[in-house]
């Protein structure tokens, strides 16, 4: 049985094309930093900028929050929620051309469980 090179090449090409999954564009993200009172207990999270709730996994107390990176996004904004599902608002963070930090509690820390970020 004789098989031509072009038949083998065509079969290999078809196989590789049919098994390749279509690629989706990743949602833009906003890097948010949540700061504890001591300054040593800060965390940073990449949050999708699609206005969906982003759970931190467990609610923790934070003193302030800031958007530290939003590459290529116009007017990113994030809202901080006390619960894990993004239903109980605590504060809103917004940023212009410079980094801004929002104090979450007027007398100390605020419990944060989730974030929602968006952009124009």
N, C-alpha and C. Protein backbone atom coordinates (compact mmCIF):
# COMPACT_ATOMS: atom_id res chain seq x y z
N UNK A 1 0.84 -1.17 0.00
CA UNK A 1 0.00 0.00 0.00
C UNK A 1 0.89 1.23 0.00
N UNK A 2 0.62 2.11 -0.94
CA UNK A 2 1.42 3.31 -1.10
C UNK A 2 0.61 4.52 -0.64
N UNK A 3 1.19 5.30 0.27
CA UNK A 3 0.52 6.49 0.78
C UNK A 3 1.37 7.70 0.41
N UNK A 4 0.75 8.68 -0.16
CA UNK A 4 1.52 9.85 -0.58
C UNK A 4 1.80 10.77 0.61
N UNK A 5 2.86 11.52 0.50
CA UNK A 5 3.25 12.49 1.52
C UNK A 5 2.14 13.51 1.74
N UNK A 6 1.51 13.96 0.65
CA UNK A 6 0.47 14.98 0.78
C UNK A 6 -0.74 14.45 1.56
N UNK A 7 -1.06 13.17 1.43
CA UNK A 7 -2.17 12.59 2.18
C UNK A 7 -1.85 12.55 3.67
N UNK A 8 -0.61 12.19 4.00
CA UNK A 8 -0.19 12.16 5.41
C UNK A 8 -0.20 13.57 5.98
N UNK A 9 0.33 14.54 5.23
CA UNK A 9 0.37 15.92 5.68
C UNK A 9 -1.04 16.47 5.89
N UNK A 10 -1.95 16.19 4.96
CA UNK A 10 -3.32 16.67 5.08
C UNK A 10 -4.01 16.06 6.30
N UNK A 11 -3.78 14.77 6.54
CA UNK A 11 -4.38 14.11 7.71
C UNK A 11 -3.84 14.70 9.00
N UNK A 12 -2.53 14.96 9.06
CA UNK A 12 -1.92 15.54 10.26
C UNK A 12 -2.43 16.96 10.49
N UNK A 13 -2.57 17.73 9.43
CA UNK A 13 -3.07 19.10 9.54
C UNK A 13 -4.51 19.10 10.03
N UNK A 14 -5.35 18.25 9.46
CA UNK A 14 -6.75 18.17 9.88
C UNK A 14 -6.85 17.76 11.34
N UNK A 15 -6.02 16.81 11.75
CA UNK A 15 -6.04 16.34 13.14
C UNK A 15 -5.65 17.45 14.10
N UNK A 16 -4.62 18.23 13.77
CA UNK A 16 -4.18 19.30 14.66
C UNK A 16 -5.19 20.44 14.70
N UNK A 17 -5.86 20.72 13.59
CA UNK A 17 -6.85 21.79 13.58
C UNK A 17 -8.11 21.39 14.34
N UNK A 18 -8.52 20.15 14.23
CA UNK A 18 -9.75 19.74 14.89
C UNK A 18 -9.57 19.59 16.39
N UNK A 19 -8.35 19.34 16.86
CA UNK A 19 -8.14 19.18 18.30
C UNK A 19 -7.81 20.50 19.00
N UNK A 20 -7.51 21.53 18.24
CA UNK A 20 -7.17 22.82 18.85
C UNK A 20 -8.44 23.50 19.33
N UNK A 21 -8.43 23.91 20.59
CA UNK A 21 -9.58 24.60 21.16
C UNK A 21 -9.56 26.06 20.72
N UNK A 22 -10.72 26.63 20.48
CA UNK A 22 -10.73 28.05 20.12
C UNK A 22 -10.25 28.90 21.30
N UNK A 23 -9.50 29.92 20.99
CA UNK A 23 -8.97 30.77 22.05
C UNK A 23 -9.93 31.93 22.29
N UNK A 24 -10.10 32.27 23.55
CA UNK A 24 -10.94 33.41 23.93
C UNK A 24 -10.02 34.52 24.43
N UNK A 25 -10.41 35.73 24.16
CA UNK A 25 -9.65 36.85 24.70
C UNK A 25 -9.89 36.91 26.20
N UNK A 26 -8.82 37.03 26.94
CA UNK A 26 -8.94 37.12 28.39
C UNK A 26 -9.57 38.46 28.76
N UNK A 27 -10.41 38.42 29.77
CA UNK A 27 -11.03 39.66 30.26
C UNK A 27 -9.95 40.56 30.83
N UNK A 28 -10.06 41.87 30.63
CA UNK A 28 -9.07 42.77 31.23
C UNK A 28 -9.16 42.67 32.75
N UNK A 29 -8.05 42.92 33.40
CA UNK A 29 -8.01 42.82 34.85
C UNK A 29 -7.50 44.11 35.48
N UNK A 30 -7.82 44.26 36.74
CA UNK A 30 -7.35 45.38 37.56
C UNK A 30 -6.63 44.77 38.75
N UNK A 31 -5.41 45.24 39.03
CA UNK A 31 -4.69 44.76 40.22
C UNK A 31 -5.05 45.68 41.38
N UNK A 32 -5.62 45.07 42.41
CA UNK A 32 -6.07 45.80 43.59
C UNK A 32 -5.22 45.38 44.78
N UNK A 33 -4.79 46.35 45.57
CA UNK A 33 -4.05 46.06 46.80
C UNK A 33 -4.93 46.42 47.99
N UNK A 34 -5.07 45.47 48.90
CA UNK A 34 -5.81 45.69 50.15
C UNK A 34 -4.78 45.73 51.27
N UNK A 35 -4.81 46.78 52.06
CA UNK A 35 -3.80 47.02 53.09
C UNK A 35 -4.38 46.84 54.48
N UNK A 36 -3.68 46.06 55.30
CA UNK A 36 -4.05 45.93 56.70
C UNK A 36 -3.49 47.11 57.48
N UNK A 37 -3.81 47.19 58.74
CA UNK A 37 -3.37 48.32 59.56
C UNK A 37 -1.86 48.33 59.74
N UNK A 38 -1.24 47.17 59.87
CA UNK A 38 0.19 47.12 60.14
C UNK A 38 1.03 47.45 58.91
N UNK A 39 0.48 47.32 57.73
CA UNK A 39 1.26 47.57 56.52
C UNK A 39 1.99 46.34 56.03
N UNK A 40 2.19 45.36 56.89
CA UNK A 40 2.87 44.13 56.49
C UNK A 40 1.89 43.06 56.05
N UNK A 41 0.62 43.30 56.21
CA UNK A 41 -0.37 42.30 55.87
C UNK A 41 -1.19 42.69 54.63
N UNK A 42 -0.54 43.36 53.69
CA UNK A 42 -1.20 43.75 52.44
C UNK A 42 -1.26 42.55 51.49
N UNK A 43 -2.32 42.50 50.69
CA UNK A 43 -2.43 41.49 49.65
C UNK A 43 -2.78 42.18 48.34
N UNK A 44 -2.37 41.58 47.23
CA UNK A 44 -2.74 42.07 45.91
C UNK A 44 -3.47 40.96 45.18
N UNK A 45 -4.50 41.34 44.44
CA UNK A 45 -5.28 40.38 43.66
C UNK A 45 -5.56 40.96 42.27
N UNK A 46 -5.51 40.09 41.25
CA UNK A 46 -5.91 40.44 39.89
C UNK A 46 -7.41 40.18 39.80
N UNK A 47 -8.19 41.23 39.59
CA UNK A 47 -9.64 41.12 39.58
C UNK A 47 -10.14 41.38 38.16
N UNK A 48 -10.96 40.50 37.59
CA UNK A 48 -11.51 40.76 36.26
C UNK A 48 -12.30 42.07 36.26
N UNK A 49 -12.12 42.87 35.22
CA UNK A 49 -12.80 44.16 35.13
C UNK A 49 -14.11 44.02 34.36
N UNK A 50 -14.90 43.00 34.70
CA UNK A 50 -16.15 42.74 34.01
C UNK A 50 -17.37 42.90 34.91
N UNK A 51 -17.19 43.52 36.06
CA UNK A 51 -18.24 43.80 37.04
C UNK A 51 -18.83 42.53 37.66
N UNK A 52 -18.11 41.43 37.60
CA UNK A 52 -18.57 40.21 38.27
C UNK A 52 -17.94 40.15 39.66
N UNK A 53 -18.60 39.50 40.62
CA UNK A 53 -18.02 39.41 41.97
C UNK A 53 -16.77 38.54 41.98
N UNK A 54 -15.74 39.00 42.68
CA UNK A 54 -14.49 38.26 42.83
C UNK A 54 -14.30 38.01 44.32
N UNK A 55 -14.45 36.76 44.74
CA UNK A 55 -14.36 36.41 46.16
C UNK A 55 -12.91 36.29 46.59
N UNK A 56 -12.62 36.78 47.78
CA UNK A 56 -11.28 36.62 48.36
C UNK A 56 -11.14 35.27 49.05
N UNK A 57 -12.21 34.51 49.13
CA UNK A 57 -12.16 33.19 49.76
C UNK A 57 -12.54 33.23 51.23
N UNK A 58 -12.18 34.29 51.90
CA UNK A 58 -12.53 34.48 53.32
C UNK A 58 -12.52 35.98 53.59
N UNK A 59 -13.48 36.43 54.37
CA UNK A 59 -13.54 37.85 54.72
C UNK A 59 -12.45 38.18 55.73
N UNK A 60 -11.75 39.29 55.49
CA UNK A 60 -10.68 39.75 56.39
C UNK A 60 -10.82 41.24 56.60
N UNK A 61 -10.19 41.73 57.65
CA UNK A 61 -10.21 43.16 57.95
C UNK A 61 -9.09 43.88 57.21
N UNK A 62 -9.44 44.97 56.53
CA UNK A 62 -8.46 45.80 55.83
C UNK A 62 -8.72 47.25 56.17
N UNK A 63 -7.64 48.04 56.15
CA UNK A 63 -7.68 49.45 56.50
C UNK A 63 -7.90 50.32 55.26
N UNK A 64 -7.25 49.95 54.16
CA UNK A 64 -7.37 50.75 52.94
C UNK A 64 -7.25 49.86 51.72
N UNK A 65 -7.63 50.42 50.57
CA UNK A 65 -7.55 49.70 49.31
C UNK A 65 -7.10 50.66 48.23
N UNK A 66 -6.42 50.12 47.22
CA UNK A 66 -6.01 50.96 46.10
C UNK A 66 -5.88 50.13 44.84
N UNK A 67 -6.14 50.76 43.71
CA UNK A 67 -5.89 50.15 42.42
C UNK A 67 -4.45 50.47 42.08
N UNK A 68 -3.63 49.45 41.93
CA UNK A 68 -2.21 49.69 41.68
C UNK A 68 -1.82 49.46 40.22
N UNK A 69 -2.68 48.79 39.46
CA UNK A 69 -2.37 48.57 38.04
C UNK A 69 -3.65 48.30 37.28
N UNK A 70 -3.82 49.01 36.20
CA UNK A 70 -4.97 48.81 35.31
C UNK A 70 -4.52 49.11 33.90
N UNK A 71 -3.54 48.36 33.42
CA UNK A 71 -2.92 48.63 32.13
C UNK A 71 -3.93 48.72 31.00
N UNK A 72 -3.92 49.84 30.33
CA UNK A 72 -4.74 50.03 29.14
C UNK A 72 -6.22 50.26 29.40
N UNK A 73 -6.64 50.32 30.63
CA UNK A 73 -8.06 50.52 30.93
C UNK A 73 -8.34 51.99 31.22
N UNK A 74 -9.42 52.49 30.63
CA UNK A 74 -9.85 53.87 30.92
C UNK A 74 -10.77 53.85 32.12
N UNK A 75 -10.51 54.68 33.06
CA UNK A 75 -11.33 54.88 34.24
C UNK A 75 -11.74 53.59 34.94
N UNK A 76 -10.77 52.81 35.41
CA UNK A 76 -11.14 51.61 36.17
C UNK A 76 -11.72 52.00 37.52
N UNK A 77 -12.62 51.21 38.01
CA UNK A 77 -13.22 51.44 39.33
C UNK A 77 -13.52 50.09 39.95
N UNK A 78 -13.38 50.01 41.26
CA UNK A 78 -13.67 48.78 41.98
C UNK A 78 -14.53 49.11 43.19
N UNK A 79 -15.38 48.19 43.52
CA UNK A 79 -16.20 48.32 44.71
C UNK A 79 -15.84 47.18 45.65
N UNK A 80 -15.76 47.49 46.93
CA UNK A 80 -15.38 46.53 47.96
C UNK A 80 -16.65 46.08 48.69
N UNK A 81 -16.77 44.77 48.90
CA UNK A 81 -17.95 44.21 49.57
C UNK A 81 -17.55 43.48 50.84
N UNK A 82 -18.42 43.52 51.82
CA UNK A 82 -18.15 42.86 53.10
C UNK A 82 -18.36 41.35 53.03
N UNK A 83 -19.19 40.89 52.10
CA UNK A 83 -19.47 39.46 52.01
C UNK A 83 -18.71 38.83 50.85
N UNK A 84 -18.75 37.50 50.75
CA UNK A 84 -18.01 36.78 49.71
C UNK A 84 -18.71 36.80 48.36
N UNK A 85 -20.00 37.10 48.32
CA UNK A 85 -20.77 37.04 47.07
C UNK A 85 -20.93 38.39 46.39
N UNK A 86 -20.43 39.46 46.96
CA UNK A 86 -20.53 40.78 46.34
C UNK A 86 -21.90 41.39 46.45
N UNK A 87 -22.55 41.23 47.60
CA UNK A 87 -23.89 41.77 47.80
C UNK A 87 -23.97 42.91 48.81
N UNK A 88 -23.05 42.95 49.78
CA UNK A 88 -23.10 43.95 50.85
C UNK A 88 -21.96 44.96 50.65
N UNK A 89 -22.25 46.13 50.05
CA UNK A 89 -21.19 47.08 49.75
C UNK A 89 -20.54 47.67 51.00
N UNK A 90 -19.23 47.87 50.90
CA UNK A 90 -18.48 48.49 51.98
C UNK A 90 -17.95 49.85 51.53
N UNK A 91 -17.35 49.93 50.34
CA UNK A 91 -16.76 51.17 49.83
C UNK A 91 -16.56 51.05 48.34
N UNK A 92 -16.20 52.17 47.71
CA UNK A 92 -15.88 52.17 46.30
C UNK A 92 -14.50 52.78 46.09
N UNK A 93 -13.71 52.16 45.24
CA UNK A 93 -12.38 52.67 44.91
C UNK A 93 -12.44 53.14 43.47
N UNK A 94 -11.87 54.29 43.19
CA UNK A 94 -11.73 54.69 41.80
C UNK A 94 -10.35 55.31 41.63
N UNK A 95 -9.88 55.31 40.42
CA UNK A 95 -8.54 55.82 40.17
C UNK A 95 -8.58 56.71 38.93
N UNK A 96 -7.73 57.72 38.93
CA UNK A 96 -7.59 58.56 37.74
C UNK A 96 -6.22 58.25 37.15
N UNK A 97 -5.43 59.26 36.86
CA UNK A 97 -4.13 59.01 36.26
C UNK A 97 -3.07 58.68 37.31
N UNK A 98 -3.33 58.97 38.56
CA UNK A 98 -2.37 58.66 39.62
C UNK A 98 -2.97 57.62 40.55
N UNK A 99 -2.12 56.93 41.26
CA UNK A 99 -2.61 55.95 42.22
C UNK A 99 -3.36 56.66 43.34
N UNK A 100 -4.50 56.12 43.69
CA UNK A 100 -5.26 56.66 44.81
C UNK A 100 -5.50 55.56 45.81
N UNK A 101 -5.53 55.94 47.05
CA UNK A 101 -5.78 54.98 48.12
C UNK A 101 -7.02 55.42 48.87
N UNK A 102 -7.90 54.49 49.11
CA UNK A 102 -9.15 54.79 49.79
C UNK A 102 -9.12 54.18 51.18
N UNK A 103 -9.31 55.01 52.19
CA UNK A 103 -9.42 54.50 53.55
C UNK A 103 -10.80 53.88 53.68
N UNK A 104 -10.86 52.63 54.05
CA UNK A 104 -12.13 51.91 54.07
C UNK A 104 -12.96 52.21 55.30
N UNK A 105 -12.32 52.38 56.44
CA UNK A 105 -13.06 52.63 57.67
C UNK A 105 -12.67 53.95 58.28
N UNK A 106 -13.64 54.70 58.76
CA UNK A 106 -13.33 56.00 59.35
C UNK A 106 -12.64 55.85 60.70
N UNK A 107 -12.80 54.72 61.35
CA UNK A 107 -12.19 54.51 62.67
C UNK A 107 -11.38 53.22 62.75
N UNK A 108 -10.93 52.75 61.67
CA UNK A 108 -10.17 51.49 61.70
C UNK A 108 -10.40 50.69 60.44
N UNK A 109 -10.48 49.40 60.59
CA UNK A 109 -10.57 48.53 59.43
C UNK A 109 -12.02 48.17 59.11
N UNK A 110 -12.20 47.63 57.91
CA UNK A 110 -13.50 47.17 57.43
C UNK A 110 -13.32 45.74 56.95
N UNK A 111 -14.32 44.90 57.18
CA UNK A 111 -14.26 43.53 56.71
C UNK A 111 -14.52 43.49 55.21
N UNK A 112 -13.60 42.85 54.47
CA UNK A 112 -13.72 42.74 53.02
C UNK A 112 -13.74 41.27 52.64
N UNK A 113 -14.74 40.88 51.87
CA UNK A 113 -14.86 39.49 51.42
C UNK A 113 -14.80 39.33 49.92
N UNK A 114 -15.14 40.41 49.18
CA UNK A 114 -15.13 40.31 47.72
C UNK A 114 -14.99 41.69 47.09
N UNK A 115 -14.70 41.68 45.80
CA UNK A 115 -14.52 42.91 45.02
C UNK A 115 -15.27 42.78 43.70
N UNK A 116 -15.65 43.91 43.14
CA UNK A 116 -16.16 43.97 41.76
C UNK A 116 -15.43 45.12 41.09
N UNK A 117 -14.87 44.88 39.92
CA UNK A 117 -14.18 45.93 39.18
C UNK A 117 -14.78 46.07 37.79
N UNK A 118 -14.70 47.29 37.26
CA UNK A 118 -15.20 47.57 35.92
C UNK A 118 -14.35 48.68 35.31
N UNK A 119 -14.63 49.01 34.07
CA UNK A 119 -13.92 50.10 33.39
C UNK A 119 -14.80 50.60 32.25
N UNK A 120 -14.44 51.77 31.72
CA UNK A 120 -15.17 52.31 30.56
C UNK A 120 -14.59 51.77 29.29
